[in-house]
Structure formats: C-alpha cells, structure tokens
Protein backbone atom coordinates (compact mmCIF):
# COMPACT_ATOMS: atom_id res chain seq x y z
CA MET A 1 -90.38 -73.45 43.81
CA SER A 2 -90.84 -70.27 45.73
CA ILE A 3 -88.13 -67.90 46.87
CA SER A 4 -88.90 -66.19 50.11
CA PHE A 5 -88.56 -62.47 50.54
CA ARG A 6 -85.93 -63.03 53.22
CA SER A 7 -83.77 -65.16 50.89
CA LEU A 8 -84.07 -62.57 48.16
CA THR A 9 -83.05 -59.82 50.58
CA LEU A 10 -80.01 -61.83 51.73
CA VAL A 11 -78.91 -62.47 48.14
CA ALA A 12 -79.34 -58.80 47.23
CA GLY A 13 -77.42 -57.75 50.34
CA ALA A 14 -74.58 -60.16 49.57
CA ALA A 15 -74.42 -58.94 45.99
CA ALA A 16 -74.29 -55.32 47.14
CA SER A 17 -71.52 -56.12 49.63
CA LEU A 18 -69.54 -57.95 46.98
CA LEU A 19 -69.93 -55.04 44.58
CA THR A 20 -68.78 -52.58 47.24
CA LEU A 21 -65.73 -54.69 48.12
CA THR A 22 -64.82 -55.08 44.47
CA ALA A 23 -65.09 -51.34 43.86
CA CYS A 24 -63.04 -50.38 46.92
CA GLY A 25 -60.78 -53.36 47.27
CA GLY A 26 -58.34 -53.09 44.44
CA VAL A 27 -56.56 -51.22 41.76
CA SER A 28 -58.12 -51.20 38.31
CA GLU A 29 -56.53 -52.87 35.32
CA LEU A 30 -56.17 -49.43 33.71
CA THR A 31 -54.03 -48.24 36.63
CA ARG A 32 -51.94 -51.40 36.47
CA GLN A 33 -51.37 -50.72 32.77
CA GLU A 34 -50.33 -47.13 33.56
CA VAL A 35 -47.78 -48.42 36.08
CA ALA A 36 -46.49 -50.93 33.50
CA ARG A 37 -46.18 -48.12 30.92
CA SER A 38 -44.21 -46.04 33.39
CA GLU A 39 -41.87 -48.99 33.97
CA THR A 40 -41.28 -49.27 30.22
CA ALA A 41 -40.61 -45.52 29.98
CA VAL A 42 -38.08 -45.71 32.82
CA LYS A 43 -36.29 -48.67 31.20
CA GLN A 44 -36.19 -46.92 27.82
CA ALA A 45 -34.83 -43.74 29.42
CA GLN A 46 -32.16 -45.76 31.20
CA GLN A 47 -31.09 -47.33 27.90
CA SER A 48 -31.17 -43.96 26.17
CA LEU A 49 -28.99 -42.29 28.78
CA GLY A 50 -26.40 -45.01 29.01
CA SER A 51 -23.49 -43.48 30.87
CA SER A 52 -24.48 -39.90 30.04
CA GLU A 53 -24.81 -37.53 32.95
CA ALA A 54 -27.44 -35.46 31.14
CA GLY A 55 -30.83 -36.41 32.49
CA ALA A 56 -29.40 -38.56 35.30
CA ILE A 57 -31.26 -36.64 38.01
CA GLU A 58 -34.55 -36.91 36.14
CA LEU A 59 -33.95 -40.63 35.56
CA GLN A 60 -33.43 -41.17 39.27
CA GLN A 61 -36.63 -39.25 39.97
CA ALA A 62 -38.45 -41.44 37.45
CA LYS A 63 -37.17 -44.56 39.19
CA ASP A 64 -38.27 -43.20 42.56
CA TYR A 65 -41.73 -42.32 41.26
CA PHE A 66 -42.07 -45.78 39.70
CA THR A 67 -41.15 -47.40 43.02
CA GLN A 68 -43.81 -45.28 44.73
CA ALA A 69 -46.36 -46.28 42.06
CA GLN A 70 -45.62 -49.96 42.67
CA LYS A 71 -45.97 -49.45 46.40
CA ALA A 72 -49.31 -47.67 45.91
CA VAL A 73 -50.56 -50.60 43.80
CA GLU A 74 -49.56 -53.02 46.56
CA GLU A 75 -51.41 -50.82 49.06
CA GLN A 76 -54.36 -50.71 46.64
CA ASN A 77 -54.30 -46.91 46.52
CA GLU A 78 -55.43 -46.24 42.98
CA THR A 79 -55.15 -42.45 43.06
CA ARG A 80 -51.56 -42.46 44.31
CA ALA A 81 -50.61 -45.26 41.90
CA GLN A 82 -51.93 -43.27 38.95
CA ARG A 83 -50.24 -40.07 40.09
CA TYR A 84 -46.85 -41.67 40.68
CA ALA A 85 -47.03 -43.67 37.44
CA LYS A 86 -47.67 -40.50 35.46
CA GLN A 87 -44.86 -38.67 37.27
CA ALA A 88 -42.50 -41.57 36.54
CA GLU A 89 -43.39 -41.53 32.86
CA LEU A 90 -42.98 -37.75 32.57
CA SER A 91 -39.65 -37.76 34.43
CA ALA A 92 -38.40 -40.57 32.19
CA GLN A 93 -39.40 -38.60 29.09
CA LEU A 94 -37.63 -35.51 30.44
CA ALA A 95 -34.49 -37.54 31.16
CA THR A 96 -34.51 -38.89 27.60
CA ALA A 97 -35.05 -35.42 26.13
CA LYS A 98 -32.15 -34.01 28.16
CA ALA A 99 -29.85 -36.83 27.06
CA GLN A 100 -30.83 -36.33 23.41
CA ASN A 101 -30.32 -32.58 23.74
CA ALA A 102 -26.85 -33.10 25.23
CA SER A 103 -25.96 -35.49 22.43
CA ALA A 104 -27.15 -33.03 19.78
CA ARG A 105 -25.19 -30.20 21.42
CA LYS A 106 -22.05 -32.33 21.46
CA ALA A 107 -22.46 -33.15 17.77
CA ALA A 108 -23.06 -29.46 16.96
CA ASP A 109 -19.96 -28.43 18.95
CA GLU A 110 -17.86 -31.01 17.10
CA LEU A 111 -19.20 -29.77 13.76
CA LEU A 112 -18.41 -26.16 14.66
CA ALA A 113 -14.88 -27.16 15.69
CA SER A 114 -14.41 -28.93 12.35
CA ILE A 115 -15.64 -25.87 10.48
CA GLN A 116 -13.25 -23.67 12.45
CA THR A 117 -10.34 -25.98 11.60
CA LEU A 118 -11.24 -25.90 7.91
CA ARG A 119 -11.39 -22.10 7.97
CA GLN A 120 -7.97 -21.93 9.55
CA GLU A 121 -6.60 -24.32 6.92
CA THR A 122 -8.00 -22.26 4.04
CA ASN A 123 -6.67 -18.99 5.51
CA ARG A 124 -3.15 -20.35 6.00
CA PRO A 125 -0.69 -19.00 3.44
CA ALA A 126 0.07 -21.53 0.77
CA THR A 127 3.57 -22.91 0.74
CA SER A 128 5.17 -22.80 -2.65
CA GLN A 129 6.98 -25.77 -4.07
CA GLN A 130 10.03 -25.04 -6.09
C-alpha cells in the first residue's frame, strides 16, 4: 500500500486548515470559565447588596460588563470576552466591598450613638428616693 505524494499533501493541507479554523474559530475553555466566574461574582454581589444602595452603581456596571462578555463569547471574540469578564468580576467585587463598608459604617454609627446615650445617662444627676 503506497500513499502518493499528492494524497499526503492534501491530507497535510486539510489538517493545517482544520488547525487554523480551530485556533481562530472559537473562544477557549479558559475564557468561558472566566465569563462563568464573572457571572458568579455578579450574582454574589447582588445577594450581598440586597436592597442596599451602596454599591448599586458598581453592581449595574458589573451586570453590563457581564452582558458584554457573553455577547463577545457569542461573537467568538476572545480578547473582548476576557476583558469584559474581568471588568465584570472587578466591578462586582467593588460593589460588594462598598456594601460591606456601608454596613460596617452603619453598625459603627449605631454603636457610637449607644455610647453617647450611656454617657448622657451616667452624667444625669441621680434622683434621690426618700
């Protein structure tokens, strides 16, 4: 059984074409995982914020970036998908941090108000019982 040079050339050419199409024709699994991670970060930020206004703008930005990342995956634009996925994840993290900061500030303000009330109570003249 002998393979002709022409057949070998055709097979090599087909393999090279297939390799080129595979390299250019899709988004890598790594990029898809990055987009999935960004989706998880956005969902976690949304749960973390609840009805809080702190971080709401950043959460909306994260959602917008995630939508753009999904669109880039559909368009098979790996670079844009990666960029938008990372932006979505970072915006979601910022939204969560702002919500946590606001919550901590509120708790600190409540604690300071309680301390102030206690000080006022201890400085009030004692009423005598007779």
